[in-house]
Full PDB file with SEQRES, HELIX, SHEET, SSBOND, CRYST1, ORIGX, SCALE, CONECT and MASTER records, all heavy atoms in Angstrom:
SEQRES   1 A   42  ASP VAL VAL PRO PHE GLY VAL PRO THR THR PRO PRO ALA          
SEQRES   2 A   42  PRO VAL GLY ALA GLY ILE THR THR ARG PHE PRO ARG VAL          
SEQRES   3 A   42  GLY PRO GLY ASP PRO VAL LEU LEU TRP GLY GLY GLY ILE          
SEQRES   4 A   42  TYR ASP TRP                                                  
HELIX    1 AA1 ILE A   19  ARG A   22  1                                   4    
CRYST1    1.000    1.000    1.000  90.00  90.00  90.00 P 1           1          
ORIGX1      1.000000  0.000000  0.000000        0.00000                         
ORIGX2      0.000000  1.000000  0.000000        0.00000                         
ORIGX3      0.000000  0.000000  1.000000        0.00000                         
SCALE1      1.000000  0.000000  0.000000        0.00000                         
SCALE2      0.000000  1.000000  0.000000        0.00000                         
SCALE3      0.000000  0.000000  1.000000        0.00000                         
ATOM      1  N   ASP A   1       0.847  -1.188   0.000  1.00  0.00           N  
ATOM      2  CA  ASP A   1       0.000   0.000   0.000  1.00  0.00           C  
ATOM      3  C   ASP A   1       0.887   1.245   0.000  1.00  0.00           C  
ATOM      4  O   ASP A   1       2.116   1.159   0.095  1.00  0.00           O  
ATOM      5  CB  ASP A   1      -0.939  -0.006   1.206  1.00  0.00           C  
ATOM      6  CG  ASP A   1      -2.269   0.672   0.911  1.00  0.00           C  
ATOM      7  OD1 ASP A   1      -2.320   1.487  -0.030  1.00  0.00           O  
ATOM      8  OD2 ASP A   1      -3.257   0.390   1.618  1.00  0.00           O  
ATOM      9  N   VAL A   2       0.245   2.389  -0.093  1.00  0.00           N  
ATOM     10  CA  VAL A   2       0.957   3.664  -0.232  1.00  0.00           C  
ATOM     11  C   VAL A   2       1.096   4.338   1.126  1.00  0.00           C  
ATOM     12  O   VAL A   2       0.096   4.658   1.774  1.00  0.00           O  
ATOM     13  CB  VAL A   2       0.216   4.591  -1.220  1.00  0.00           C  
ATOM     14  CG1 VAL A   2       0.888   5.957  -1.272  1.00  0.00           C  
ATOM     15  CG2 VAL A   2       0.168   3.955  -2.604  1.00  0.00           C  
ATOM     16  N   VAL A   3       2.332   4.529   1.563  1.00  0.00           N  
ATOM     17  CA  VAL A   3       2.649   5.282   2.781  1.00  0.00           C  
ATOM     18  C   VAL A   3       3.815   6.203   2.430  1.00  0.00           C  
ATOM     19  O   VAL A   3       4.981   5.831   2.563  1.00  0.00           O  
ATOM     20  CB  VAL A   3       3.022   4.360   3.956  1.00  0.00           C  
ATOM     21  CG1 VAL A   3       3.372   5.193   5.199  1.00  0.00           C  
ATOM     22  CG2 VAL A   3       1.884   3.401   4.273  1.00  0.00           C  
ATOM     23  N   PRO A   4       3.536   7.411   1.928  1.00  0.00           N  
ATOM     24  CA  PRO A   4       4.623   8.308   1.529  1.00  0.00           C  
ATOM     25  C   PRO A   4       5.258   8.974   2.737  1.00  0.00           C  
ATOM     26  O   PRO A   4       4.854   8.756   3.876  1.00  0.00           O  
ATOM     27  CB  PRO A   4       3.901   9.335   0.665  1.00  0.00           C  
ATOM     28  CG  PRO A   4       2.533   9.403   1.252  1.00  0.00           C  
ATOM     29  CD  PRO A   4       2.210   7.992   1.688  1.00  0.00           C  
ATOM     30  N   PHE A   5       6.267   9.776   2.480  1.00  0.00           N  
ATOM     31  CA  PHE A   5       6.777  10.678   3.503  1.00  0.00           C  
ATOM     32  C   PHE A   5       5.679  11.684   3.808  1.00  0.00           C  
ATOM     33  O   PHE A   5       4.835  11.968   2.954  1.00  0.00           O  
ATOM     34  CB  PHE A   5       8.026  11.387   2.985  1.00  0.00           C  
ATOM     35  CG  PHE A   5       8.976  11.821   4.055  1.00  0.00           C  
ATOM     36  CD1 PHE A   5       9.859  10.924   4.617  1.00  0.00           C  
ATOM     37  CD2 PHE A   5       8.993  13.130   4.496  1.00  0.00           C  
ATOM     38  CE1 PHE A   5      10.755  11.325   5.603  1.00  0.00           C  
ATOM     39  CE2 PHE A   5       9.876  13.543   5.481  1.00  0.00           C  
ATOM     40  CZ  PHE A   5      10.760  12.638   6.039  1.00  0.00           C  
ATOM     41  N   GLY A   6       5.675  12.223   5.025  1.00  0.00           N  
ATOM     42  CA  GLY A   6       4.638  13.168   5.409  1.00  0.00           C  
ATOM     43  C   GLY A   6       5.218  14.458   5.946  1.00  0.00           C  
ATOM     44  O   GLY A   6       6.430  14.691   5.904  1.00  0.00           O  
ATOM     45  N   VAL A   7       4.344  15.305   6.443  1.00  0.00           N  
ATOM     46  CA  VAL A   7       4.757  16.565   7.061  1.00  0.00           C  
ATOM     47  C   VAL A   7       4.210  16.620   8.480  1.00  0.00           C  
ATOM     48  O   VAL A   7       3.194  15.989   8.788  1.00  0.00           O  
ATOM     49  CB  VAL A   7       4.273  17.793   6.254  1.00  0.00           C  
ATOM     50  CG1 VAL A   7       4.767  17.719   4.826  1.00  0.00           C  
ATOM     51  CG2 VAL A   7       2.754  17.914   6.291  1.00  0.00           C  
ATOM     52  N   PRO A   8       4.869  17.360   9.375  1.00  0.00           N  
ATOM     53  CA  PRO A   8       4.387  17.469  10.752  1.00  0.00           C  
ATOM     54  C   PRO A   8       3.010  18.125  10.827  1.00  0.00           C  
ATOM     55  O   PRO A   8       2.599  18.860   9.919  1.00  0.00           O  
ATOM     56  CB  PRO A   8       5.451  18.337  11.433  1.00  0.00           C  
ATOM     57  CG  PRO A   8       6.673  18.187  10.586  1.00  0.00           C  
ATOM     58  CD  PRO A   8       6.160  18.039   9.182  1.00  0.00           C  
ATOM     59  N   THR A   9       2.322  17.879  11.935  1.00  0.00           N  
ATOM     60  CA  THR A   9       1.008  18.487  12.142  1.00  0.00           C  
ATOM     61  C   THR A   9       1.126  19.914  12.674  1.00  0.00           C  
ATOM     62  O   THR A   9       0.162  20.668  12.624  1.00  0.00           O  
ATOM     63  CB  THR A   9       0.187  17.646  13.136  1.00  0.00           C  
ATOM     64  OG1 THR A   9       0.945  17.480  14.347  1.00  0.00           O  
ATOM     65  CG2 THR A   9      -0.115  16.270  12.555  1.00  0.00           C  
ATOM     66  N   THR A  10       2.312  20.285  13.162  1.00  0.00           N  
ATOM     67  CA  THR A  10       2.538  21.647  13.642  1.00  0.00           C  
ATOM     68  C   THR A  10       3.330  22.426  12.594  1.00  0.00           C  
ATOM     69  O   THR A  10       4.142  21.853  11.866  1.00  0.00           O  
ATOM     70  CB  THR A  10       3.312  21.645  14.966  1.00  0.00           C  
ATOM     71  OG1 THR A  10       4.536  20.901  14.787  1.00  0.00           O  
ATOM     72  CG2 THR A  10       2.488  20.988  16.060  1.00  0.00           C  
ATOM     73  N   PRO A  11       3.120  23.729  12.479  1.00  0.00           N  
ATOM     74  CA  PRO A  11       3.829  24.514  11.449  1.00  0.00           C  
ATOM     75  C   PRO A  11       5.295  24.678  11.791  1.00  0.00           C  
ATOM     76  O   PRO A  11       5.720  24.442  12.933  1.00  0.00           O  
ATOM     77  CB  PRO A  11       3.089  25.855  11.489  1.00  0.00           C  
ATOM     78  CG  PRO A  11       2.515  25.942  12.865  1.00  0.00           C  
ATOM     79  CD  PRO A  11       2.167  24.544  13.259  1.00  0.00           C  
ATOM     80  N   PRO A  12       6.114  25.074  10.806  1.00  0.00           N  
ATOM     81  CA  PRO A  12       7.539  25.312  11.079  1.00  0.00           C  
ATOM     82  C   PRO A  12       7.730  26.367  12.168  1.00  0.00           C  
ATOM     83  O   PRO A  12       6.960  27.327  12.259  1.00  0.00           O  
ATOM     84  CB  PRO A  12       8.084  25.803   9.735  1.00  0.00           C  
ATOM     85  CG  PRO A  12       7.100  25.354   8.713  1.00  0.00           C  
ATOM     86  CD  PRO A  12       5.771  25.336   9.395  1.00  0.00           C  
ATOM     87  N   ALA A  13       8.758  26.155  12.984  1.00  0.00           N  
ATOM     88  CA  ALA A  13       9.099  27.093  14.051  1.00  0.00           C  
ATOM     89  C   ALA A  13      10.459  27.710  13.743  1.00  0.00           C  
ATOM     90  O   ALA A  13      11.253  27.146  12.990  1.00  0.00           O  
ATOM     91  CB  ALA A  13       9.140  26.367  15.390  1.00  0.00           C  
ATOM     92  N   PRO A  14      10.756  28.880  14.310  1.00  0.00           N  
ATOM     93  CA  PRO A  14      12.054  29.521  14.053  1.00  0.00           C  
ATOM     94  C   PRO A  14      13.192  28.815  14.781  1.00  0.00           C  
ATOM     95  O   PRO A  14      13.699  29.285  15.795  1.00  0.00           O  
ATOM     96  CB  PRO A  14      11.834  30.949  14.565  1.00  0.00           C  
ATOM     97  CG  PRO A  14      10.764  30.817  15.589  1.00  0.00           C  
ATOM     98  CD  PRO A  14       9.866  29.707  15.138  1.00  0.00           C  
ATOM     99  N   VAL A  15      13.578  27.655  14.253  1.00  0.00           N  
ATOM    100  CA  VAL A  15      14.638  26.833  14.842  1.00  0.00           C  
ATOM    101  C   VAL A  15      15.786  26.738  13.846  1.00  0.00           C  
ATOM    102  O   VAL A  15      15.576  26.473  12.664  1.00  0.00           O  
ATOM    103  CB  VAL A  15      14.120  25.422  15.182  1.00  0.00           C  
ATOM    104  CG1 VAL A  15      15.246  24.551  15.712  1.00  0.00           C  
ATOM    105  CG2 VAL A  15      12.980  25.498  16.193  1.00  0.00           C  
ATOM    106  N   GLY A  16      17.018  26.941  14.320  1.00  0.00           N  
ATOM    107  CA  GLY A  16      18.187  26.823  13.462  1.00  0.00           C  
ATOM    108  C   GLY A  16      18.570  28.151  12.837  1.00  0.00           C  
ATOM    109  O   GLY A  16      17.819  29.134  12.858  1.00  0.00           O  
ATOM    110  N   ALA A  17      19.761  28.174  12.266  1.00  0.00           N  
ATOM    111  CA  ALA A  17      20.263  29.381  11.605  1.00  0.00           C  
ATOM    112  C   ALA A  17      19.592  29.544  10.256  1.00  0.00           C  
ATOM    113  O   ALA A  17      19.592  28.630   9.434  1.00  0.00           O  
ATOM    114  CB  ALA A  17      21.779  29.296  11.440  1.00  0.00           C  
ATOM    115  N   GLY A  18      19.016  30.718  10.028  1.00  0.00           N  
ATOM    116  CA  GLY A  18      18.302  30.958   8.790  1.00  0.00           C  
ATOM    117  C   GLY A  18      19.198  31.506   7.689  1.00  0.00           C  
ATOM    118  O   GLY A  18      20.422  31.597   7.836  1.00  0.00           O  
ATOM    119  N   ILE A  19      18.568  31.897   6.609  1.00  0.00           N  
ATOM    120  CA  ILE A  19      19.311  32.373   5.443  1.00  0.00           C  
ATOM    121  C   ILE A  19      19.976  33.719   5.726  1.00  0.00           C  
ATOM    122  O   ILE A  19      21.142  33.943   5.395  1.00  0.00           O  
ATOM    123  CB  ILE A  19      18.368  32.461   4.226  1.00  0.00           C  
ATOM    124  CG1 ILE A  19      17.955  31.044   3.807  1.00  0.00           C  
ATOM    125  CG2 ILE A  19      19.043  33.187   3.067  1.00  0.00           C  
ATOM    126  CD1 ILE A  19      16.846  31.002   2.786  1.00  0.00           C  
ATOM    127  N   THR A  20      19.243  34.631   6.354  1.00  0.00           N  
ATOM    128  CA  THR A  20      19.805  35.958   6.607  1.00  0.00           C  
ATOM    129  C   THR A  20      20.933  35.894   7.635  1.00  0.00           C  
ATOM    130  O   THR A  20      21.845  36.730   7.608  1.00  0.00           O  
ATOM    131  CB  THR A  20      18.714  36.932   7.073  1.00  0.00           C  
ATOM    132  OG1 THR A  20      18.047  36.384   8.222  1.00  0.00           O  
ATOM    133  CG2 THR A  20      17.690  37.156   5.972  1.00  0.00           C  
ATOM    134  N   THR A  21      20.882  34.930   8.541  1.00  0.00           N  
ATOM    135  CA  THR A  21      21.974  34.753   9.506  1.00  0.00           C  
ATOM    136  C   THR A  21      23.210  34.195   8.829  1.00  0.00           C  
ATOM    137  O   THR A  21      24.338  34.637   9.074  1.00  0.00           O  
ATOM    138  CB  THR A  21      21.532  33.806  10.640  1.00  0.00           C  
ATOM    139  OG1 THR A  21      20.404  34.366  11.306  1.00  0.00           O  
ATOM    140  CG2 THR A  21      22.656  33.586  11.639  1.00  0.00           C  
ATOM    141  N   ARG A  22      23.016  33.221   7.963  1.00  0.00           N  
ATOM    142  CA  ARG A  22      24.145  32.578   7.279  1.00  0.00           C  
ATOM    143  C   ARG A  22      24.757  33.493   6.213  1.00  0.00           C  
ATOM    144  O   ARG A  22      25.957  33.410   5.938  1.00  0.00           O  
ATOM    145  CB  ARG A  22      23.674  31.278   6.631  1.00  0.00           C  
ATOM    146  CG  ARG A  22      23.260  30.203   7.635  1.00  0.00           C  
ATOM    147  CD  ARG A  22      22.609  29.016   6.922  1.00  0.00           C  
ATOM    148  NE  ARG A  22      22.151  28.004   7.853  1.00  0.00           N  
ATOM    149  CZ  ARG A  22      22.886  26.991   8.291  1.00  0.00           C  
ATOM    150  NH1 ARG A  22      24.127  26.864   7.868  1.00  0.00           N  
ATOM    151  NH2 ARG A  22      22.386  26.106   9.133  1.00  0.00           N  
ATOM    152  N   PHE A  23      23.927  34.328   5.601  1.00  0.00           N  
ATOM    153  CA  PHE A  23      24.387  35.187   4.509  1.00  0.00           C  
ATOM    154  C   PHE A  23      23.962  36.625   4.800  1.00  0.00           C  
ATOM    155  O   PHE A  23      22.878  37.053   4.397  1.00  0.00           O  
ATOM    156  CB  PHE A  23      23.811  34.724   3.170  1.00  0.00           C  
ATOM    157  CG  PHE A  23      24.117  33.294   2.835  1.00  0.00           C  
ATOM    158  CD1 PHE A  23      23.143  32.314   2.958  1.00  0.00           C  
ATOM    159  CD2 PHE A  23      25.391  32.913   2.410  1.00  0.00           C  
ATOM    160  CE1 PHE A  23      23.421  30.994   2.655  1.00  0.00           C  
ATOM    161  CE2 PHE A  23      25.677  31.598   2.092  1.00  0.00           C  
ATOM    162  CZ  PHE A  23      24.690  30.626   2.222  1.00  0.00           C  
ATOM    163  N   PRO A  24      24.790  37.389   5.522  1.00  0.00           N  
ATOM    164  CA  PRO A  24      24.414  38.752   5.905  1.00  0.00           C  
ATOM    165  C   PRO A  24      24.073  39.642   4.714  1.00  0.00           C  
ATOM    166  O   PRO A  24      23.330  40.630   4.865  1.00  0.00           O  
ATOM    167  CB  PRO A  24      25.657  39.261   6.646  1.00  0.00           C  
ATOM    168  CG  PRO A  24      26.313  38.015   7.167  1.00  0.00           C  
ATOM    169  CD  PRO A  24      26.072  36.979   6.117  1.00  0.00           C  
ATOM    170  N   ARG A  25      24.584  39.314   3.518  1.00  0.00           N  
ATOM    171  CA  ARG A  25      24.285  40.140   2.351  1.00  0.00           C  
ATOM    172  C   ARG A  25      22.836  40.003   1.913  1.00  0.00           C  
ATOM    173  O   ARG A  25      22.350  40.823   1.126  1.00  0.00           O  
ATOM    174  CB  ARG A  25      25.202  39.765   1.195  1.00  0.00           C  
ATOM    175  CG  ARG A  25      24.884  38.426   0.550  1.00  0.00           C  
ATOM    176  CD  ARG A  25      25.847  38.069  -0.573  1.00  0.00           C  
ATOM    177  NE  ARG A  25      27.182  37.817  -0.042  1.00  0.00           N  
ATOM    178  CZ  ARG A  25      28.221  37.470  -0.797  1.00  0.00           C  
ATOM    179  NH1 ARG A  25      28.088  37.373  -2.098  1.00  0.00           N  
ATOM    180  NH2 ARG A  25      29.390  37.235  -0.251  1.00  0.00           N  
ATOM    181  N   VAL A  26      22.136  38.977   2.390  1.00  0.00           N  
ATOM    182  CA  VAL A  26      20.730  38.783   2.039  1.00  0.00           C  
ATOM    183  C   VAL A  26      19.883  39.627   2.983  1.00  0.00           C  
ATOM    184  O   VAL A  26      19.883  39.417   4.206  1.00  0.00           O  
ATOM    185  CB  VAL A  26      20.322  37.301   2.134  1.00  0.00           C  
ATOM    186  CG1 VAL A  26      18.845  37.132   1.766  1.00  0.00           C  
ATOM    187  CG2 VAL A  26      21.198  36.454   1.219  1.00  0.00           C  
ATOM    188  N   GLY A  27      19.161  40.562   2.423  1.00  0.00           N  
ATOM    189  CA  GLY A  27      18.311  41.414   3.246  1.00  0.00           C  
ATOM    190  C   GLY A  27      16.998  40.730   3.588  1.00  0.00           C  
ATOM    191  O   GLY A  27      16.567  39.789   2.910  1.00  0.00           O  
ATOM    192  N   PRO A  28      16.316  41.182   4.640  1.00  0.00           N  
ATOM    193  CA  PRO A  28      15.064  40.537   5.068  1.00  0.00           C  
ATOM    194  C   PRO A  28      13.962  40.589   4.018  1.00  0.00           C  
ATOM    195  O   PRO A  28      13.037  39.769   4.042  1.00  0.00           O  
ATOM    196  CB  PRO A  28      14.679  41.314   6.330  1.00  0.00           C  
ATOM    197  CG  PRO A  28      15.437  42.602   6.251  1.00  0.00           C  
ATOM    198  CD  PRO A  28      16.686  42.306   5.506  1.00  0.00           C  
ATOM    199  N   GLY A  29      14.035  41.523   3.082  1.00  0.00           N  
ATOM    200  CA  GLY A  29      12.998  41.601   2.060  1.00  0.00           C  
ATOM    201  C   GLY A  29      13.400  41.002   0.723  1.00  0.00           C  
ATOM    202  O   GLY A  29      12.609  41.009  -0.237  1.00  0.00           O  
ATOM    203  N   ASP A  30      14.614  40.449   0.633  1.00  0.00           N  
ATOM    204  CA  ASP A  30      15.072  39.898  -0.639  1.00  0.00           C  
ATOM    205  C   ASP A  30      14.313  38.608  -0.973  1.00  0.00           C  
ATOM    206  O   ASP A  30      14.157  37.743  -0.103  1.00  0.00           O  
ATOM    207  CB  ASP A  30      16.568  39.583  -0.593  1.00  0.00           C  
ATOM    208  CG  ASP A  30      17.429  40.838  -0.571  1.00  0.00           C  
ATOM    209  OD1 ASP A  30      16.884  41.917  -0.857  1.00  0.00           O  
ATOM    210  OD2 ASP A  30      18.630  40.729  -0.260  1.00  0.00           O  
ATOM    211  N   PRO A  31      13.844  38.454  -2.212  1.00  0.00           N  
ATOM    212  CA  PRO A  31      13.196  37.204  -2.603  1.00  0.00           C  
ATOM    213  C   PRO A  31      14.221  36.074  -2.704  1.00  0.00           C  
ATOM    214  O   PRO A  31      15.275  36.238  -3.335  1.00  0.00           O  
ATOM    215  CB  PRO A  31      12.574  37.522  -3.969  1.00  0.00           C  
ATOM    216  CG  PRO A  31      13.323  38.693  -4.485  1.00  0.00           C  
ATOM    217  CD  PRO A  31      13.831  39.451  -3.299  1.00  0.00           C  
ATOM    218  N   VAL A  32      13.930  34.949  -2.065  1.00  0.00           N  
ATOM    219  CA  VAL A  32      14.881  33.844  -1.970  1.00  0.00           C  
ATOM    220  C   VAL A  32      14.269  32.574  -2.542  1.00  0.00           C  
ATOM    221  O   VAL A  32      13.179  32.147  -2.117  1.00  0.00           O  
ATOM    222  CB  VAL A  32      15.303  33.595  -0.503  1.00  0.00           C  
ATOM    223  CG1 VAL A  32      16.187  32.354  -0.408  1.00  0.00           C  
ATOM    224  CG2 VAL A  32      16.029  34.803   0.059  1.00  0.00           C  
ATOM    225  N   LEU A  33      14.969  31.972  -3.496  1.00  0.00           N  
ATOM    226  CA  LEU A  33      14.633  30.642  -3.992  1.00  0.00           C  
ATOM    227  C   LEU A  33      15.450  29.639  -3.191  1.00  0.00           C  
ATOM    228  O   LEU A  33      16.671  29.750  -3.116  1.00  0.00           O  
ATOM    229  CB  LEU A  33      14.987  30.504  -5.471  1.00  0.00           C  
ATOM    230  CG  LEU A  33      14.533  31.618  -6.425  1.00  0.00           C  
ATOM    231  CD1 LEU A  33      15.113  31.383  -7.820  1.00  0.00           C  
ATOM    232  CD2 LEU A  33      13.014  31.682  -6.477  1.00  0.00           C  
ATOM    233  N   LEU A  34      14.792  28.647  -2.587  1.00  0.00           N  
ATOM    234  CA  LEU A  34      15.492  27.671  -1.739  1.00  0.00           C  
ATOM    235  C   LEU A  34      15.485  26.292  -2.385  1.00  0.00           C  
ATOM    236  O   LEU A  34      14.426  25.740  -2.684  1.00  0.00           O  
ATOM    237  CB  LEU A  34      14.832  27.583  -0.359  1.00  0.00           C  
ATOM    238  CG  LEU A  34      15.466  26.565   0.599  1.00  0.00           C  
ATOM    239  CD1 LEU A  34      16.895  26.984   0.980  1.00  0.00           C  
ATOM    240  CD2 LEU A  34      14.615  26.394   1.858  1.00  0.00           C  
ATOM    241  N   TRP A  35      16.687  25.768  -2.619  1.00  0.00           N  
ATOM    242  CA  TRP A  35      16.875  24.368  -3.038  1.00  0.00           C  
ATOM    243  C   TRP A  35      17.120  23.577  -1.760  1.00  0.00           C  
ATOM    244  O   TRP A  35      18.204  23.608  -1.194  1.00  0.00           O  
ATOM    245  CB  TRP A  35      18.061  24.285  -3.994  1.00  0.00           C  
ATOM    246  CG  TRP A  35      18.429  22.903  -4.474  1.00  0.00           C  
ATOM    247  CD1 TRP A  35      19.109  21.946  -3.774  1.00  0.00           C  
ATOM    248  CD2 TRP A  35      18.157  22.327  -5.760  1.00  0.00           C  
ATOM    249  NE1 TRP A  35      19.282  20.817  -4.534  1.00  0.00           N  
ATOM    250  CE2 TRP A  35      18.707  21.024  -5.759  1.00  0.00           C  
ATOM    251  CE3 TRP A  35      17.515  22.787  -6.901  1.00  0.00           C  
ATOM    252  CZ2 TRP A  35      18.626  20.175  -6.867  1.00  0.00           C  
ATOM    253  CZ3 TRP A  35      17.430  21.945  -8.006  1.00  0.00           C  
ATOM    254  CH2 TRP A  35      17.975  20.662  -7.981  1.00  0.00           C  
ATOM    255  N   GLY A  36      16.127  22.877  -1.282  1.00  0.00           N  
ATOM    256  CA  GLY A  36      16.163  22.341   0.078  1.00  0.00           C  
ATOM    257  C   GLY A  36      16.636  20.923   0.218  1.00  0.00           C  
ATOM    258  O   GLY A  36      16.031  20.143   0.962  1.00  0.00           O  
ATOM    259  N   GLY A  37      17.715  20.540  -0.447  1.00  0.00           N  
ATOM    260  CA  GLY A  37      18.221  19.181  -0.290  1.00  0.00           C  
ATOM    261  C   GLY A  37      19.474  18.957  -1.109  1.00  0.00           C  
ATOM    262  O   GLY A  37      20.025  19.889  -1.708  1.00  0.00           O  
ATOM    263  N   GLY A  38      19.943  17.712  -1.142  1.00  0.00           N  
ATOM    264  CA  GLY A  38      21.178  17.384  -1.829  1.00  0.00           C  
ATOM    265  C   GLY A  38      21.121  17.637  -3.330  1.00  0.00           C  
ATOM    266  O   GLY A  38      20.052  17.752  -3.929  1.00  0.00           O  
ATOM    267  N   ILE A  39      22.304  17.718  -3.933  1.00  0.00           N  
ATOM    268  CA  ILE A  39      22.427  17.914  -5.382  1.00  0.00           C  
ATOM    269  C   ILE A  39      22.925  16.598  -5.973  1.00  0.00           C  
ATOM    270  O   ILE A  39      24.111  16.263  -5.860  1.00  0.00           O  
ATOM    271  CB  ILE A  39      23.405  19.062  -5.711  1.00  0.00           C  
ATOM    272  CG1 ILE A  39      22.961  20.354  -5.017  1.00  0.00           C  
ATOM    273  CG2 ILE A  39      23.488  19.274  -7.212  1.00  0.00           C  
ATOM    274  CD1 ILE A  39      23.932  21.508  -5.191  1.00  0.00           C  
ATOM    275  N   TYR A  40      22.009  15.859  -6.581  1.00  0.00           N  
ATOM    276  CA  TYR A  40      22.318  14.522  -7.070  1.00  0.00           C  
ATOM    277  C   TYR A  40      22.219  14.472  -8.594  1.00  0.00           C  
ATOM    278  O   TYR A  40      21.634  15.362  -9.229  1.00  0.00           O  
ATOM    279  CB  TYR A  40      21.385  13.495  -6.419  1.00  0.00           C  
ATOM    280  CG  TYR A  40      21.368  13.577  -4.911  1.00  0.00           C  
ATOM    281  CD1 TYR A  40      20.163  13.621  -4.201  1.00  0.00           C  
ATOM    282  CD2 TYR A  40      22.556  13.646  -4.189  1.00  0.00           C  
ATOM    283  CE1 TYR A  40      20.160  13.716  -2.816  1.00  0.00           C  
ATOM    284  CE2 TYR A  40      22.555  13.735  -2.807  1.00  0.00           C  
ATOM    285  CZ  TYR A  40      21.353  13.769  -2.121  1.00  0.00           C  
ATOM    286  OH  TYR A  40      21.342  13.869  -0.747  1.00  0.00           O  
ATOM    287  N   ASP A  41      22.749  13.397  -9.170  1.00  0.00           N  
ATOM    288  CA  ASP A  41      22.908  13.353 -10.622  1.00  0.00           C  
ATOM    289  C   ASP A  41      21.606  13.246 -11.394  1.00  0.00           C  
ATOM    290  O   ASP A  41      21.605  13.435 -12.611  1.00  0.00           O  
ATOM    291  CB  ASP A  41      23.833  12.183 -11.007  1.00  0.00           C  
ATOM    292  CG  ASP A  41      25.299  12.489 -10.743  1.00  0.00           C  
ATOM    293  OD1 ASP A  41      25.601  13.638 -10.376  1.00  0.00           O  
ATOM    294  OD2 ASP A  41      26.132  11.583 -10.901  1.00  0.00           O  
ATOM    295  N   TRP A  42      20.512  12.907 -10.736  1.00  0.00           N  
ATOM    296  CA  TRP A  42      19.230  12.846 -11.444  1.00  0.00           C  
ATOM    297  C   TRP A  42      18.511  14.198 -11.426  1.00  0.00           C  
ATOM    298  O   TRP A  42      17.454  14.346 -12.010  1.00  0.00           O  
ATOM    299  CB  TRP A  42      18.331  11.754 -10.867  1.00  0.00           C  
ATOM    300  CG  TRP A  42      18.311  11.699  -9.370  1.00  0.00           C  
ATOM    301  CD1 TRP A  42      17.454  12.354  -8.533  1.00  0.00           C  
ATOM    302  CD2 TRP A  42      19.187  10.940  -8.535  1.00  0.00           C  
ATOM    303  NE1 TRP A  42      17.749  12.061  -7.231  1.00  0.00           N  
ATOM    304  CE2 TRP A  42      18.808  11.184  -7.195  1.00  0.00           C  
ATOM    305  CE3 TRP A  42      20.261  10.075  -8.781  1.00  0.00           C  
ATOM    306  CZ2 TRP A  42      19.464  10.594  -6.117  1.00  0.00           C  
ATOM    307  CZ3 TRP A  42      20.908   9.491  -7.696  1.00  0.00           C  
ATOM    308  CH2 TRP A  42      20.511   9.754  -6.383  1.00  0.00           C  
TER     309      TRP A  42                                                      
MASTER        0    0    0    1    0    0    0    6  308    1    0    4          
END                                                                             
């Protein structure tokens, strides 16, 4: 049967270092495209 990966029942929380923290040149209003995982050959 089908049992895919899922998502939590609670929304994301401000945990961990974000983009603006890691890259000070990124301003809080800058539009950001996020590639959220590994870079693989497929």
